[in-house]
Amino acid sequence: MEHRWTAIVTIVALLVYFYMSLQVGRARGKSGIAAPAMTGDPLLERAVRVHLNTLEGLPLFLGGLWLFAIYWNEYVAAGLGLVWIAGRLVYAAGYMADPGKRSTGFLIQFAASGVLLLGALGKIVYSLVVSGV
């Protein structure tokens, strides 16, 4: 069973995303705004943005996470995955308090995604050059 740590981090990231979807439902209940409306209450609007912004970042993160784990190192990938998750949680807390306070969390998760993606790409290109293919 390879890549167990990467799989656990993937599941935790998806659970964080699931939690954020529950927060949208919670905000809908507090605001009394039923679907499909997405505006009209600042709390609901922030919860929706946190949820959707996380969804927008998931493909880059998950692709980079798995490719880095496969081509570099699973433990480093899992560690960077935890950093990404922490960044998304910091982002969510900041955004929900005040949208202007989202930058720190965004930068944390952006850096983790960047290292995963560029690290995987670098290793793949390096292996192609070294193997002469």
C-alpha atoms as a PDB file:
ATOM      1  CA  MET A   1       0.000   0.000   0.000  1.00  0.00           C
ATOM      2  CA  GLU A   2       1.919   2.941  -1.310  1.00  0.00           C
ATOM      3  CA  HIS A   3       1.077   6.581  -0.785  1.00  0.00           C
ATOM      4  CA  ARG A   4      -1.017   6.062   2.333  1.00  0.00           C
ATOM      5  CA  TRP A   5       0.012   9.431   3.761  1.00  0.00           C
ATOM      6  CA  THR A   6      -0.869  11.183   0.533  1.00  0.00           C
ATOM      7  CA  ALA A   7      -4.239   9.428   0.541  1.00  0.00           C
ATOM      8  CA  ILE A   8      -4.919  10.515   4.129  1.00  0.00           C
ATOM      9  CA  VAL A   9      -4.028  14.125   3.317  1.00  0.00           C
ATOM     10  CA  THR A  10      -6.295  13.956   0.275  1.00  0.00           C
ATOM     11  CA  ILE A  11      -9.183  12.742   2.417  1.00  0.00           C
ATOM     12  CA  VAL A  12      -8.539  15.426   5.049  1.00  0.00           C
ATOM     13  CA  ALA A  13      -8.490  18.121   2.335  1.00  0.00           C
ATOM     14  CA  LEU A  14     -11.789  16.823   0.972  1.00  0.00           C
ATOM     15  CA  LEU A  15     -13.264  16.749   4.481  1.00  0.00           C
ATOM     16  CA  VAL A  16     -12.239  20.391   4.924  1.00  0.00           C
ATOM     17  CA  TYR A  17     -14.014  21.161   1.657  1.00  0.00           C
ATOM     18  CA  PHE A  18     -17.066  19.235   2.873  1.00  0.00           C
ATOM     19  CA  TYR A  19     -17.000  21.208   6.130  1.00  0.00           C
ATOM     20  CA  MET A  20     -16.950  24.434   4.110  1.00  0.00           C
ATOM     21  CA  SER A  21     -20.037  23.280   2.200  1.00  0.00           C
ATOM     22  CA  LEU A  22     -21.783  22.719   5.527  1.00  0.00           C
ATOM     23  CA  GLN A  23     -20.857  26.271   6.505  1.00  0.00           C
ATOM     24  CA  VAL A  24     -22.685  27.551   3.423  1.00  0.00           C
ATOM     25  CA  GLY A  25     -25.786  25.646   4.543  1.00  0.00           C
ATOM     26  CA  ARG A  26     -25.391  27.012   8.046  1.00  0.00           C
ATOM     27  CA  ALA A  27     -25.122  30.563   6.693  1.00  0.00           C
ATOM     28  CA  ARG A  28     -28.225  29.982   4.568  1.00  0.00           C
ATOM     29  CA  GLY A  29     -30.124  28.894   7.655  1.00  0.00           C
ATOM     30  CA  LYS A  30     -29.011  31.919   9.668  1.00  0.00           C
ATOM     31  CA  SER A  31     -29.776  34.354   6.870  1.00  0.00           C
ATOM     32  CA  GLY A  32     -33.030  32.754   5.744  1.00  0.00           C
ATOM     33  CA  ILE A  33     -31.851  32.941   2.116  1.00  0.00           C
ATOM     34  CA  ALA A  34     -32.880  29.799   0.256  1.00  0.00           C
ATOM     35  CA  ALA A  35     -31.109  28.307  -2.747  1.00  0.00           C
ATOM     36  CA  PRO A  36     -30.489  29.186  -5.500  1.00  0.00           C
ATOM     37  CA  ALA A  37     -29.961  32.766  -4.226  1.00  0.00           C
ATOM     38  CA  MET A  38     -26.348  33.435  -3.255  1.00  0.00           C
ATOM     39  CA  THR A  39     -26.472  37.106  -2.307  1.00  0.00           C
ATOM     40  CA  GLY A  40     -28.229  39.316   0.160  1.00  0.00           C
ATOM     41  CA  ASP A  41     -26.394  38.522   3.380  1.00  0.00           C
ATOM     42  CA  PRO A  42     -22.659  39.213   3.919  1.00  0.00           C
ATOM     43  CA  LEU A  43     -22.166  36.047   6.001  1.00  0.00           C
ATOM     44  CA  LEU A  44     -23.698  33.874   3.284  1.00  0.00           C
ATOM     45  CA  GLU A  45     -21.725  35.619   0.558  1.00  0.00           C
ATOM     46  CA  ARG A  46     -18.427  35.107   2.414  1.00  0.00           C
ATOM     47  CA  ALA A  47     -19.218  31.439   3.136  1.00  0.00           C
ATOM     48  CA  VAL A  48     -20.035  30.870  -0.541  1.00  0.00           C
ATOM     49  CA  ARG A  49     -16.788  32.561  -1.648  1.00  0.00           C
ATOM     50  CA  VAL A  50     -14.683  30.531   0.807  1.00  0.00           C
ATOM     51  CA  HIS A  51     -16.327  27.337  -0.424  1.00  0.00           C
ATOM     52  CA  LEU A  52     -16.008  28.148  -4.127  1.00  0.00           C
ATOM     53  CA  ASN A  53     -12.467  29.532  -3.829  1.00  0.00           C
ATOM     54  CA  THR A  54     -11.449  26.274  -2.174  1.00  0.00           C
ATOM     55  CA  LEU A  55     -13.103  24.312  -4.969  1.00  0.00           C
ATOM     56  CA  GLU A  56     -11.172  26.392  -7.517  1.00  0.00           C
ATOM     57  CA  GLY A  57      -7.893  25.508  -5.811  1.00  0.00           C
ATOM     58  CA  LEU A  58      -8.527  21.790  -5.297  1.00  0.00           C
ATOM     59  CA  PRO A  59      -7.572  20.570  -8.805  1.00  0.00           C
ATOM     60  CA  LEU A  60      -4.196  22.335  -8.715  1.00  0.00           C
ATOM     61  CA  PHE A  61      -3.543  21.144  -5.194  1.00  0.00           C
ATOM     62  CA  LEU A  62      -4.615  17.513  -5.660  1.00  0.00           C
ATOM     63  CA  GLY A  63      -2.830  17.116  -8.990  1.00  0.00           C
ATOM     64  CA  GLY A  64       0.354  18.609  -7.586  1.00  0.00           C
ATOM     65  CA  LEU A  65       0.085  16.618  -4.365  1.00  0.00           C
ATOM     66  CA  TRP A  66      -0.157  13.264  -6.112  1.00  0.00           C
ATOM     67  CA  LEU A  67       2.420  13.978  -8.791  1.00  0.00           C
ATOM     68  CA  PHE A  68       4.893  15.223  -6.199  1.00  0.00           C
ATOM     69  CA  ALA A  69       4.259  12.123  -4.067  1.00  0.00           C
ATOM     70  CA  ILE A  70       4.800   9.813  -7.036  1.00  0.00           C
ATOM     71  CA  TYR A  71       7.856  11.503  -8.546  1.00  0.00           C
ATOM     72  CA  TRP A  72       9.592  13.005  -5.499  1.00  0.00           C
ATOM     73  CA  ASN A  73       8.677  11.952  -1.994  1.00  0.00           C
ATOM     74  CA  GLU A  74       5.403  10.951  -0.383  1.00  0.00           C
ATOM     75  CA  TYR A  75       6.267  12.305   3.067  1.00  0.00           C
ATOM     76  CA  VAL A  76       7.264  15.714   1.770  1.00  0.00           C
ATOM     77  CA  ALA A  77       4.125  15.795  -0.378  1.00  0.00           C
ATOM     78  CA  ALA A  78       1.953  14.905   2.617  1.00  0.00           C
ATOM     79  CA  GLY A  79       3.663  17.579   4.709  1.00  0.00           C
ATOM     80  CA  LEU A  80       3.108  20.189   2.019  1.00  0.00           C
ATOM     81  CA  GLY A  81      -0.471  18.967   1.756  1.00  0.00           C
ATOM     82  CA  LEU A  82      -0.966  19.670   5.449  1.00  0.00           C
ATOM     83  CA  VAL A  83       0.467  23.140   4.902  1.00  0.00           C
ATOM     84  CA  TRP A  84      -2.076  23.668   2.094  1.00  0.00           C
ATOM     85  CA  ILE A  85      -4.910  22.530   4.369  1.00  0.00           C
ATOM     86  CA  ALA A  86      -3.738  24.849   7.147  1.00  0.00           C
ATOM     87  CA  GLY A  87      -3.558  27.685   4.636  1.00  0.00           C
ATOM     88  CA  ARG A  88      -7.125  27.061   3.493  1.00  0.00           C
ATOM     89  CA  LEU A  89      -8.339  27.046   7.101  1.00  0.00           C
ATOM     90  CA  VAL A  90      -6.483  30.297   7.854  1.00  0.00           C
ATOM     91  CA  TYR A  91      -7.921  31.719   4.635  1.00  0.00           C
ATOM     92  CA  ALA A  92     -11.455  30.683   5.604  1.00  0.00           C
ATOM     93  CA  ALA A  93     -11.205  32.100   9.113  1.00  0.00           C
ATOM     94  CA  GLY A  94      -9.777  35.367   7.826  1.00  0.00           C
ATOM     95  CA  TYR A  95     -12.299  35.709   5.006  1.00  0.00           C
ATOM     96  CA  MET A  96     -15.259  34.974   7.270  1.00  0.00           C
ATOM     97  CA  ALA A  97     -14.082  37.584   9.799  1.00  0.00           C
ATOM     98  CA  ASP A  98     -13.219  40.221   7.198  1.00  0.00           C
ATOM     99  CA  PRO A  99     -12.499  39.580   3.499  1.00  0.00           C
ATOM    100  CA  GLY A 100      -9.452  41.835   3.792  1.00  0.00           C
ATOM    101  CA  LYS A 101      -7.890  39.318   6.193  1.00  0.00           C
ATOM    102  CA  ARG A 102      -7.709  36.456   3.701  1.00  0.00           C
ATOM    103  CA  SER A 103      -4.231  37.202   2.323  1.00  0.00           C
ATOM    104  CA  THR A 104      -2.119  35.226   4.809  1.00  0.00           C
ATOM    105  CA  GLY A 105      -4.073  32.025   4.303  1.00  0.00           C
ATOM    106  CA  PHE A 106      -4.102  32.540   0.553  1.00  0.00           C
ATOM    107  CA  LEU A 107      -0.324  32.973   0.430  1.00  0.00           C
ATOM    108  CA  ILE A 108       0.260  29.857   2.551  1.00  0.00           C
ATOM    109  CA  GLN A 109      -1.860  27.595   0.347  1.00  0.00           C
ATOM    110  CA  PHE A 110      -0.614  29.259  -2.855  1.00  0.00           C
ATOM    111  CA  ALA A 111       3.005  28.599  -1.881  1.00  0.00           C
ATOM    112  CA  ALA A 112       2.260  24.964  -0.992  1.00  0.00           C
ATOM    113  CA  SER A 113       0.458  24.406  -4.318  1.00  0.00           C
ATOM    114  CA  GLY A 114       3.285  26.081  -6.197  1.00  0.00           C
ATOM    115  CA  VAL A 115       5.964  23.928  -4.595  1.00  0.00           C
ATOM    116  CA  LEU A 116       3.966  20.769  -5.263  1.00  0.00           C
ATOM    117  CA  LEU A 117       3.250  21.613  -8.902  1.00  0.00           C
ATOM    118  CA  LEU A 118       6.641  23.030  -9.840  1.00  0.00           C
ATOM    119  CA  GLY A 119       8.473  20.404  -7.822  1.00  0.00           C
ATOM    120  CA  ALA A 120       6.658  17.611  -9.631  1.00  0.00           C
ATOM    121  CA  LEU A 121       7.236  19.245 -13.010  1.00  0.00           C
ATOM    122  CA  GLY A 122      10.909  19.790 -12.255  1.00  0.00           C
ATOM    123  CA  LYS A 123      11.454  16.184 -11.232  1.00  0.00           C
ATOM    124  CA  ILE A 124       9.617  14.840 -14.282  1.00  0.00           C
ATOM    125  CA  VAL A 125      11.580  17.050 -16.681  1.00  0.00           C
ATOM    126  CA  TYR A 126      14.841  16.162 -14.914  1.00  0.00           C
ATOM    127  CA  SER A 127      14.104  12.444 -15.211  1.00  0.00           C
ATOM    128  CA  LEU A 128      13.368  12.863 -18.932  1.00  0.00           C
ATOM    129  CA  VAL A 129      16.642  14.721 -19.492  1.00  0.00           C
ATOM    130  CA  VAL A 130      18.706  12.223 -17.506  1.00  0.00           C
ATOM    131  CA  SER A 131      17.129   9.213 -19.217  1.00  0.00           C
ATOM    132  CA  GLY A 132      17.644  10.778 -22.634  1.00  0.00           C
ATOM    133  CA  VAL A 133      13.998  10.464 -23.628  1.00  0.00           C
END
